[in-house]
PDB file of N, CA and C in Angstrom:
ATOM      1  N   MET A   1      16.248  -6.822 118.509  1.00  0.00           N
ATOM      2  CA  MET A   1      16.385  -6.116 117.244  1.00  0.00           C
ATOM      3  C   MET A   1      16.930  -4.716 117.492  1.00  0.00           C
ATOM      4  N   GLU A   2      17.830  -4.329 116.616  1.00  0.00           N
ATOM      5  CA  GLU A   2      18.438  -3.007 116.660  1.00  0.00           C
ATOM      6  C   GLU A   2      18.194  -2.305 115.323  1.00  0.00           C
ATOM      7  N   ARG A   3      18.416  -1.009 115.338  1.00  0.00           N
ATOM      8  CA  ARG A   3      18.333  -0.205 114.121  1.00  0.00           C
ATOM      9  C   ARG A   3      19.631   0.585 114.023  1.00  0.00           C
ATOM     10  N   ALA A   4      20.150   0.708 112.812  1.00  0.00           N
ATOM     11  CA  ALA A   4      21.376   1.469 112.616  1.00  0.00           C
ATOM     12  C   ALA A   4      21.274   2.308 111.354  1.00  0.00           C
ATOM     13  N   GLU A   5      21.888   3.484 111.435  1.00  0.00           N
ATOM     14  CA  GLU A   5      22.026   4.374 110.281  1.00  0.00           C
ATOM     15  C   GLU A   5      23.509   4.424 109.964  1.00  0.00           C
ATOM     16  N   ILE A   6      23.852   3.950 108.777  1.00  0.00           N
ATOM     17  CA  ILE A   6      25.250   3.884 108.357  1.00  0.00           C
ATOM     18  C   ILE A   6      25.452   4.892 107.231  1.00  0.00           C
ATOM     19  N   LEU A   7      26.391   5.802 107.430  1.00  0.00           N
ATOM     20  CA  LEU A   7      26.679   6.841 106.448  1.00  0.00           C
ATOM     21  C   LEU A   7      28.126   6.686 106.003  1.00  0.00           C
ATOM     22  N   ILE A   8      28.331   6.608 104.693  1.00  0.00           N
ATOM     23  CA  ILE A   8      29.686   6.441 104.179  1.00  0.00           C
ATOM     24  C   ILE A   8      29.975   7.468 103.099  1.00  0.00           C
ATOM     25  N   ASN A   9      31.255   7.843 103.016  1.00  0.00           N
ATOM     26  CA  ASN A   9      31.660   8.738 101.940  1.00  0.00           C
ATOM     27  C   ASN A   9      33.010   8.308 101.402  1.00  0.00           C
ATOM     28  N   GLY A  10      33.396   8.930 100.324  1.00  0.00           N
ATOM     29  CA  GLY A  10      34.588   8.565  99.577  1.00  0.00           C
ATOM     30  C   GLY A  10      34.165   8.345  98.138  1.00  0.00           C
ATOM     31  N   LEU A  11      34.785   7.403  97.469  1.00  0.00           N
ATOM     32  CA  LEU A  11      34.361   7.017  96.125  1.00  0.00           C
ATOM     33  C   LEU A  11      33.313   5.923  96.309  1.00  0.00           C
ATOM     34  N   VAL A  12      32.051   6.345  96.475  1.00  0.00           N
ATOM     35  CA  VAL A  12      30.991   5.416  96.879  1.00  0.00           C
ATOM     36  C   VAL A  12      29.789   5.398  95.938  1.00  0.00           C
ATOM     37  N   GLN A  13      29.753   6.280  94.966  1.00  0.00           N
ATOM     38  CA  GLN A  13      28.633   6.289  94.028  1.00  0.00           C
ATOM     39  C   GLN A  13      29.137   5.936  92.633  1.00  0.00           C
ATOM     40  N   GLY A  14      28.331   5.154  91.914  1.00  0.00           N
ATOM     41  CA  GLY A  14      28.691   4.759  90.558  1.00  0.00           C
ATOM     42  C   GLY A  14      29.707   3.629  90.500  1.00  0.00           C
ATOM     43  N   VAL A  15      29.884   2.908  91.612  1.00  0.00           N
ATOM     44  CA  VAL A  15      30.891   1.840  91.665  1.00  0.00           C
ATOM     45  C   VAL A  15      30.302   0.502  92.113  1.00  0.00           C
ATOM     46  N   GLY A  16      28.971   0.374  92.090  1.00  0.00           N
ATOM     47  CA  GLY A  16      28.322  -0.882  92.460  1.00  0.00           C
ATOM     48  C   GLY A  16      28.208  -1.119  93.952  1.00  0.00           C
ATOM     49  N   LEU A  17      28.397  -0.074  94.748  1.00  0.00           N
ATOM     50  CA  LEU A  17      28.388  -0.248  96.198  1.00  0.00           C
ATOM     51  C   LEU A  17      27.004  -0.587  96.740  1.00  0.00           C
ATOM     52  N   ARG A  18      25.949   0.033  96.192  1.00  0.00           N
ATOM     53  CA  ARG A  18      24.604  -0.268  96.695  1.00  0.00           C
ATOM     54  C   ARG A  18      24.243  -1.734  96.454  1.00  0.00           C
ATOM     55  N   ASP A  19      24.596  -2.273  95.289  1.00  0.00           N
ATOM     56  CA  ASP A  19      24.355  -3.699  95.017  1.00  0.00           C
ATOM     57  C   ASP A  19      25.155  -4.572  95.981  1.00  0.00           C
ATOM     58  N   PHE A  20      26.399  -4.185  96.236  1.00  0.00           N
ATOM     59  CA  PHE A  20      27.268  -4.895  97.173  1.00  0.00           C
ATOM     60  C   PHE A  20      26.633  -4.931  98.570  1.00  0.00           C
ATOM     61  N   ILE A  21      26.142  -3.786  99.027  1.00  0.00           N
ATOM     62  CA  ILE A  21      25.518  -3.700 100.349  1.00  0.00           C
ATOM     63  C   ILE A  21      24.240  -4.529 100.391  1.00  0.00           C
ATOM     64  N   GLN A  22      23.417  -4.427  99.348  1.00  0.00           N
ATOM     65  CA  GLN A  22      22.179  -5.195  99.317  1.00  0.00           C
ATOM     66  C   GLN A  22      22.457  -6.696  99.382  1.00  0.00           C
ATOM     67  N   LYS A  23      23.425  -7.159  98.631  1.00  0.00           N
ATOM     68  CA  LYS A  23      23.767  -8.585  98.620  1.00  0.00           C
ATOM     69  C   LYS A  23      24.155  -9.052 100.024  1.00  0.00           C
ATOM     70  N   HIS A  24      25.021  -8.307 100.686  1.00  0.00           N
ATOM     71  CA  HIS A  24      25.478  -8.709 102.015  1.00  0.00           C
ATOM     72  C   HIS A  24      24.367  -8.590 103.059  1.00  0.00           C
ATOM     73  N   ALA A  25      23.551  -7.572 102.947  1.00  0.00           N
ATOM     74  CA  ALA A  25      22.438  -7.415 103.897  1.00  0.00           C
ATOM     75  C   ALA A  25      21.462  -8.583 103.763  1.00  0.00           C
ATOM     76  N   LYS A  26      21.140  -8.950 102.541  1.00  0.00           N
ATOM     77  CA  LYS A  26      20.225 -10.077 102.321  1.00  0.00           C
ATOM     78  C   LYS A  26      20.826 -11.378 102.843  1.00  0.00           C
ATOM     79  N   ASN A  27      22.125 -11.591 102.611  1.00  0.00           N
ATOM     80  CA  ASN A  27      22.787 -12.800 103.102  1.00  0.00           C
ATOM     81  C   ASN A  27      22.762 -12.870 104.633  1.00  0.00           C
ATOM     82  N   LEU A  28      22.797 -11.715 105.287  1.00  0.00           N
ATOM     83  CA  LEU A  28      22.790 -11.656 106.749  1.00  0.00           C
ATOM     84  C   LEU A  28      21.369 -11.631 107.328  1.00  0.00           C
ATOM     85  N   GLY A  29      20.361 -11.513 106.474  1.00  0.00           N
ATOM     86  CA  GLY A  29      18.975 -11.469 106.941  1.00  0.00           C
ATOM     87  C   GLY A  29      18.584 -10.143 107.553  1.00  0.00           C
ATOM     88  N   ILE A  30      19.201  -9.072 107.071  1.00  0.00           N
ATOM     89  CA  ILE A  30      18.940  -7.725 107.580  1.00  0.00           C
ATOM     90  C   ILE A  30      17.945  -7.028 106.656  1.00  0.00           C
ATOM     91  N   CYS A  31      17.018  -6.284 107.229  1.00  0.00           N
ATOM     92  CA  CYS A  31      16.035  -5.528 106.456  1.00  0.00           C
ATOM     93  C   CYS A  31      16.376  -4.041 106.493  1.00  0.00           C
ATOM     94  N   GLY A  32      15.948  -3.322 105.458  1.00  0.00           N
ATOM     95  CA  GLY A  32      16.171  -1.879 105.408  1.00  0.00           C
ATOM     96  C   GLY A  32      16.353  -1.426 103.977  1.00  0.00           C
ATOM     97  N   TYR A  33      17.198  -0.395 103.809  1.00  0.00           N
ATOM     98  CA  TYR A  33      17.454   0.114 102.460  1.00  0.00           C
ATOM     99  C   TYR A  33      18.799   0.820 102.388  1.00  0.00           C
ATOM    100  N   VAL A  34      19.246   1.035 101.167  1.00  0.00           N
ATOM    101  CA  VAL A  34      20.454   1.802 100.884  1.00  0.00           C
ATOM    102  C   VAL A  34      20.111   2.790  99.783  1.00  0.00           C
ATOM    103  N   GLU A  35      20.664   3.998  99.865  1.00  0.00           N
ATOM    104  CA  GLU A  35      20.406   5.006  98.833  1.00  0.00           C
ATOM    105  C   GLU A  35      21.575   5.956  98.695  1.00  0.00           C
ATOM    106  N   ASN A  36      21.737   6.487  97.474  1.00  0.00           N
ATOM    107  CA  ASN A  36      22.699   7.552  97.238  1.00  0.00           C
ATOM    108  C   ASN A  36      22.096   8.860  97.711  1.00  0.00           C
ATOM    109  N   LEU A  37      22.930   9.711  98.314  1.00  0.00           N
ATOM    110  CA  LEU A  37      22.497  11.040  98.721  1.00  0.00           C
ATOM    111  C   LEU A  37      23.063  12.075  97.757  1.00  0.00           C
ATOM    112  N   TYR A  38      22.398  13.207  97.652  1.00  0.00           N
ATOM    113  CA  TYR A  38      22.864  14.279  96.769  1.00  0.00           C
ATOM    114  C   TYR A  38      24.227  14.807  97.184  1.00  0.00           C
ATOM    115  N   SER A  39      24.596  14.604  98.438  1.00  0.00           N
ATOM    116  CA  SER A  39      25.890  15.053  98.952  1.00  0.00           C
ATOM    117  C   SER A  39      27.049  14.208  98.427  1.00  0.00           C
ATOM    118  N   GLY A  40      26.738  13.096  97.737  1.00  0.00           N
ATOM    119  CA  GLY A  40      27.776  12.196  97.249  1.00  0.00           C
ATOM    120  C   GLY A  40      28.025  11.032  98.192  1.00  0.00           C
ATOM    121  N   GLU A  41      27.324  11.011  99.316  1.00  0.00           N
ATOM    122  CA  GLU A  41      27.468   9.939 100.290  1.00  0.00           C
ATOM    123  C   GLU A  41      26.447   8.834 100.008  1.00  0.00           C
ATOM    124  N   VAL A  42      26.601   7.717 100.698  1.00  0.00           N
ATOM    125  CA  VAL A  42      25.638   6.621 100.623  1.00  0.00           C
ATOM    126  C   VAL A  42      25.116   6.385 102.033  1.00  0.00           C
ATOM    127  N   LEU A  43      23.787   6.314 102.148  1.00  0.00           N
ATOM    128  CA  LEU A  43      23.119   6.089 103.422  1.00  0.00           C
ATOM    129  C   LEU A  43      22.487   4.710 103.421  1.00  0.00           C
ATOM    130  N   THR A  44      22.710   3.967 104.505  1.00  0.00           N
ATOM    131  CA  THR A  44      22.089   2.661 104.690  1.00  0.00           C
ATOM    132  C   THR A  44      21.357   2.674 106.023  1.00  0.00           C
ATOM    133  N   ILE A  45      20.069   2.345 106.009  1.00  0.00           N
ATOM    134  CA  ILE A  45      19.268   2.202 107.227  1.00  0.00           C
ATOM    135  C   ILE A  45      18.905   0.727 107.334  1.00  0.00           C
ATOM    136  N   VAL A  46      19.255   0.115 108.454  1.00  0.00           N
ATOM    137  CA  VAL A  46      19.016  -1.315 108.619  1.00  0.00           C
ATOM    138  C   VAL A  46      18.428  -1.638 109.982  1.00  0.00           C
ATOM    139  N   GLU A  47      17.704  -2.747 110.025  1.00  0.00           N
ATOM    140  CA  GLU A  47      17.191  -3.300 111.275  1.00  0.00           C
ATOM    141  C   GLU A  47      17.484  -4.788 111.290  1.00  0.00           C
ATOM    142  N   GLY A  48      17.885  -5.263 112.463  1.00  0.00           N
ATOM    143  CA  GLY A  48      18.195  -6.673 112.604  1.00  0.00           C
ATOM    144  C   GLY A  48      18.954  -6.921 113.892  1.00  0.00           C
ATOM    145  N   ASP A  49      19.545  -8.087 113.989  1.00  0.00           N
ATOM    146  CA  ASP A  49      20.357  -8.445 115.141  1.00  0.00           C
ATOM    147  C   ASP A  49      21.624  -7.589 115.155  1.00  0.00           C
ATOM    148  N   LYS A  50      22.018  -7.125 116.333  1.00  0.00           N
ATOM    149  CA  LYS A  50      23.177  -6.236 116.432  1.00  0.00           C
ATOM    150  C   LYS A  50      24.431  -6.874 115.839  1.00  0.00           C
ATOM    151  N   PHE A  51      24.658  -8.143 116.112  1.00  0.00           N
ATOM    152  CA  PHE A  51      25.828  -8.829 115.575  1.00  0.00           C
ATOM    153  C   PHE A  51      25.817  -8.815 114.046  1.00  0.00           C
ATOM    154  N   GLN A  52      24.659  -9.053 113.447  1.00  0.00           N
ATOM    155  CA  GLN A  52      24.551  -9.060 111.983  1.00  0.00           C
ATOM    156  C   GLN A  52      24.797  -7.664 111.413  1.00  0.00           C
ATOM    157  N   ILE A  53      24.271  -6.644 112.073  1.00  0.00           N
ATOM    158  CA  ILE A  53      24.487  -5.266 111.616  1.00  0.00           C
ATOM    159  C   ILE A  53      25.963  -4.909 111.719  1.00  0.00           C
ATOM    160  N   GLU A  54      26.610  -5.315 112.805  1.00  0.00           N
ATOM    161  CA  GLU A  54      28.041  -5.047 112.947  1.00  0.00           C
ATOM    162  C   GLU A  54      28.836  -5.741 111.845  1.00  0.00           C
ATOM    163  N   GLU A  55      28.438  -6.950 111.484  1.00  0.00           N
ATOM    164  CA  GLU A  55      29.103  -7.670 110.393  1.00  0.00           C
ATOM    165  C   GLU A  55      28.907  -6.926 109.070  1.00  0.00           C
ATOM    166  N   LEU A  56      27.691  -6.443 108.810  1.00  0.00           N
ATOM    167  CA  LEU A  56      27.440  -5.663 107.602  1.00  0.00           C
ATOM    168  C   LEU A  56      28.287  -4.398 107.606  1.00  0.00           C
ATOM    169  N   PHE A  57      28.373  -3.718 108.743  1.00  0.00           N
ATOM    170  CA  PHE A  57      29.170  -2.495 108.845  1.00  0.00           C
ATOM    171  C   PHE A  57      30.637  -2.780 108.511  1.00  0.00           C
ATOM    172  N   ASN A  58      31.161  -3.888 108.991  1.00  0.00           N
ATOM    173  CA  ASN A  58      32.546  -4.263 108.673  1.00  0.00           C
ATOM    174  C   ASN A  58      32.720  -4.498 107.174  1.00  0.00           C
ATOM    175  N   GLN A  59      31.749  -5.133 106.552  1.00  0.00           N
ATOM    176  CA  GLN A  59      31.815  -5.375 105.111  1.00  0.00           C
ATOM    177  C   GLN A  59      31.720  -4.069 104.336  1.00  0.00           C
ATOM    178  N   ILE A  60      30.865  -3.156 104.806  1.00  0.00           N
ATOM    179  CA  ILE A  60      30.737  -1.849 104.153  1.00  0.00           C
ATOM    180  C   ILE A  60      32.048  -1.083 104.253  1.00  0.00           C
ATOM    181  N   ARG A  61      32.674  -1.102 105.429  1.00  0.00           N
ATOM    182  CA  ARG A  61      33.953  -0.384 105.601  1.00  0.00           C
ATOM    183  C   ARG A  61      35.035  -0.944 104.681  1.00  0.00           C
ATOM    184  N   ALA A  62      34.996  -2.251 104.404  1.00  0.00           N
ATOM    185  CA  ALA A  62      35.952  -2.851 103.469  1.00  0.00           C
ATOM    186  C   ALA A  62      35.638  -2.414 102.042  1.00  0.00           C
ATOM    187  N   GLY A  63      34.350  -2.248 101.741  1.00  0.00           N
ATOM    188  CA  GLY A  63      33.906  -1.744 100.445  1.00  0.00           C
ATOM    189  C   GLY A  63      33.908  -2.784  99.349  1.00  0.00           C
ATOM    190  N   SER A  64      33.292  -2.395  98.243  1.00  0.00           N
ATOM    191  CA  SER A  64      33.275  -3.245  97.058  1.00  0.00           C
ATOM    192  C   SER A  64      34.601  -3.076  96.326  1.00  0.00           C
ATOM    193  N   SER A  65      34.796  -3.867  95.297  1.00  0.00           N
ATOM    194  CA  SER A  65      36.098  -3.862  94.625  1.00  0.00           C
ATOM    195  C   SER A  65      36.447  -2.521  93.966  1.00  0.00           C
ATOM    196  N   TYR A  66      35.457  -1.726  93.572  1.00  0.00           N
ATOM    197  CA  TYR A  66      35.751  -0.455  92.907  1.00  0.00           C
ATOM    198  C   TYR A  66      35.574   0.760  93.815  1.00  0.00           C
ATOM    199  N   SER A  67      35.000   0.574  94.991  1.00  0.00           N
ATOM    200  CA  SER A  67      34.774   1.711  95.887  1.00  0.00           C
ATOM    201  C   SER A  67      36.018   1.996  96.720  1.00  0.00           C
ATOM    202  N   LYS A  68      36.080   3.208  97.230  1.00  0.00           N
ATOM    203  CA  LYS A  68      37.141   3.606  98.159  1.00  0.00           C
ATOM    204  C   LYS A  68      36.460   4.336  99.314  1.00  0.00           C
ATOM    205  N   ILE A  69      36.311   3.648 100.426  1.00  0.00           N
ATOM    206  CA  ILE A  69      35.615   4.206 101.584  1.00  0.00           C
ATOM    207  C   ILE A  69      36.577   5.105 102.348  1.00  0.00           C
ATOM    208  N   LYS A  70      36.194   6.365 102.473  1.00  0.00           N
ATOM    209  CA  LYS A  70      37.012   7.309 103.228  1.00  0.00           C
ATOM    210  C   LYS A  70      36.578   7.320 104.691  1.00  0.00           C
ATOM    211  N   ASN A  71      35.288   7.459 104.925  1.00  0.00           N
ATOM    212  CA  ASN A  71      34.732   7.475 106.282  1.00  0.00           C
ATOM    213  C   ASN A  71      33.448   6.656 106.315  1.00  0.00           C
ATOM    214  N   ALA A  72      33.233   5.991 107.437  1.00  0.00           N
ATOM    215  CA  ALA A  72      31.993   5.245 107.663  1.00  0.00           C
ATOM    216  C   ALA A  72      31.593   5.459 109.114  1.00  0.00           C
ATOM    217  N   SER A  73      30.348   5.856 109.324  1.00  0.00           N
ATOM    218  CA  SER A  73      29.864   6.066 110.692  1.00  0.00           C
ATOM    219  C   SER A  73      28.585   5.269 110.892  1.00  0.00           C
ATOM    220  N   ILE A  74      28.337   4.926 112.147  1.00  0.00           N
ATOM    221  CA  ILE A  74      27.130   4.166 112.473  1.00  0.00           C
ATOM    222  C   ILE A  74      26.482   4.793 113.695  1.00  0.00           C
ATOM    223  N   LYS A  75      25.162   4.988 113.615  1.00  0.00           N
ATOM    224  CA  LYS A  75      24.365   5.507 114.738  1.00  0.00           C
ATOM    225  C   LYS A  75      23.329   4.451 115.082  1.00  0.00           C
ATOM    226  N   TRP A  76      23.299   4.061 116.340  1.00  0.00           N
ATOM    227  CA  TRP A  76      22.381   3.025 116.810  1.00  0.00           C
ATOM    228  C   TRP A  76      21.118   3.636 117.387  1.00  0.00           C
ATOM    229  N   SER A  77      20.006   2.942 117.224  1.00  0.00           N
ATOM    230  CA  SER A  77      18.748   3.330 117.858  1.00  0.00           C
ATOM    231  C   SER A  77      17.881   2.080 118.007  1.00  0.00           C
ATOM    232  N   ASN A  78      16.729   2.254 118.600  1.00  0.00           N
ATOM    233  CA  ASN A  78      15.808   1.130 118.779  1.00  0.00           C
ATOM    234  C   ASN A  78      15.100   0.813 117.469  1.00  0.00           C
ATOM    235  N   SER A  79      14.885  -0.455 117.236  1.00  0.00           N
ATOM    236  CA  SER A  79      14.195  -0.903 116.033  1.00  0.00           C
ATOM    237  C   SER A  79      12.763  -0.365 116.017  1.00  0.00           C
ATOM    238  N   LYS A  80      12.308   0.001 114.825  1.00  0.00           N
ATOM    239  CA  LYS A  80      10.927   0.447 114.639  1.00  0.00           C
ATOM    240  C   LYS A  80      10.099  -0.617 113.924  1.00  0.00           C
ATOM    241  N   ASN A  81      10.727  -1.753 113.619  1.00  0.00           N
ATOM    242  CA  ASN A  81      10.076  -2.819 112.844  1.00  0.00           C
ATOM    243  C   ASN A  81       9.414  -2.258 111.585  1.00  0.00           C
ATOM    244  N   GLU A  82      10.156  -1.428 110.905  1.00  0.00           N
ATOM    245  CA  GLU A  82       9.645  -0.682 109.760  1.00  0.00           C
ATOM    246  C   GLU A  82       9.786  -1.433 108.433  1.00  0.00           C
ATOM    247  N   PHE A  83      10.707  -2.394 108.355  1.00  0.00           N
ATOM    248  CA  PHE A  83      11.046  -3.017 107.074  1.00  0.00           C
ATOM    249  C   PHE A  83      10.733  -4.510 107.069  1.00  0.00           C
ATOM    250  N   THR A  84      10.406  -5.023 105.886  1.00  0.00           N
ATOM    251  CA  THR A  84      10.175  -6.464 105.726  1.00  0.00           C
ATOM    252  C   THR A  84      11.200  -7.083 104.777  1.00  0.00           C
ATOM    253  N   ARG A  85      12.013  -6.255 104.118  1.00  0.00           N
ATOM    254  CA  ARG A  85      13.042  -6.737 103.191  1.00  0.00           C
ATOM    255  C   ARG A  85      14.120  -5.671 103.068  1.00  0.00           C
ATOM    256  N   PHE A  86      15.137  -5.943 102.279  1.00  0.00           N
ATOM    257  CA  PHE A  86      16.183  -4.959 102.019  1.00  0.00           C
ATOM    258  C   PHE A  86      16.090  -4.532 100.569  1.00  0.00           C
ATOM    259  N   GLU A  87      16.146  -3.221 100.328  1.00  0.00           N
ATOM    260  CA  GLU A  87      16.017  -2.726  98.965  1.00  0.00           C
ATOM    261  C   GLU A  87      16.940  -1.561  98.693  1.00  0.00           C
ATOM    262  N   ILE A  88      17.139  -1.307  97.418  1.00  0.00           N
ATOM    263  CA  ILE A  88      17.891  -0.136  96.967  1.00  0.00           C
ATOM    264  C   ILE A  88      16.875   0.933  96.619  1.00  0.00           C
ATOM    265  N   LYS A  89      17.036   2.118  97.196  1.00  0.00           N
ATOM    266  CA  LYS A  89      16.163   3.246  96.839  1.00  0.00           C
ATOM    267  C   LYS A  89      16.844   4.038  95.734  1.00  0.00           C
ATOM    268  N   TYR A  90      16.045   4.410  94.743  1.00  0.00           N
ATOM    269  CA  TYR A  90      16.554   5.204  93.616  1.00  0.00           C
ATOM    270  C   TYR A  90      15.960   6.587  93.648  1.00  0.00           C
TER     271      TYR A  90
END
């Protein structure tokens, strides 16, 4: 198990991106959360198999149909087994 912090910016808020990320994370069996930041960015914290997280990261970089991803970064760390599901934080 791995843990990743994915930070994205661009046109990423108000375009259905959090729902898009949640759908793909659930399909991949990844746990964690996604939230909008006051800076205008979207933060996703996930735990799961490295291959699955990399697949989610690729999907995030492609973005939802209305989003425009300018930058996406990923920071890896050891899993903390902190999550049991994937959710959107409001």
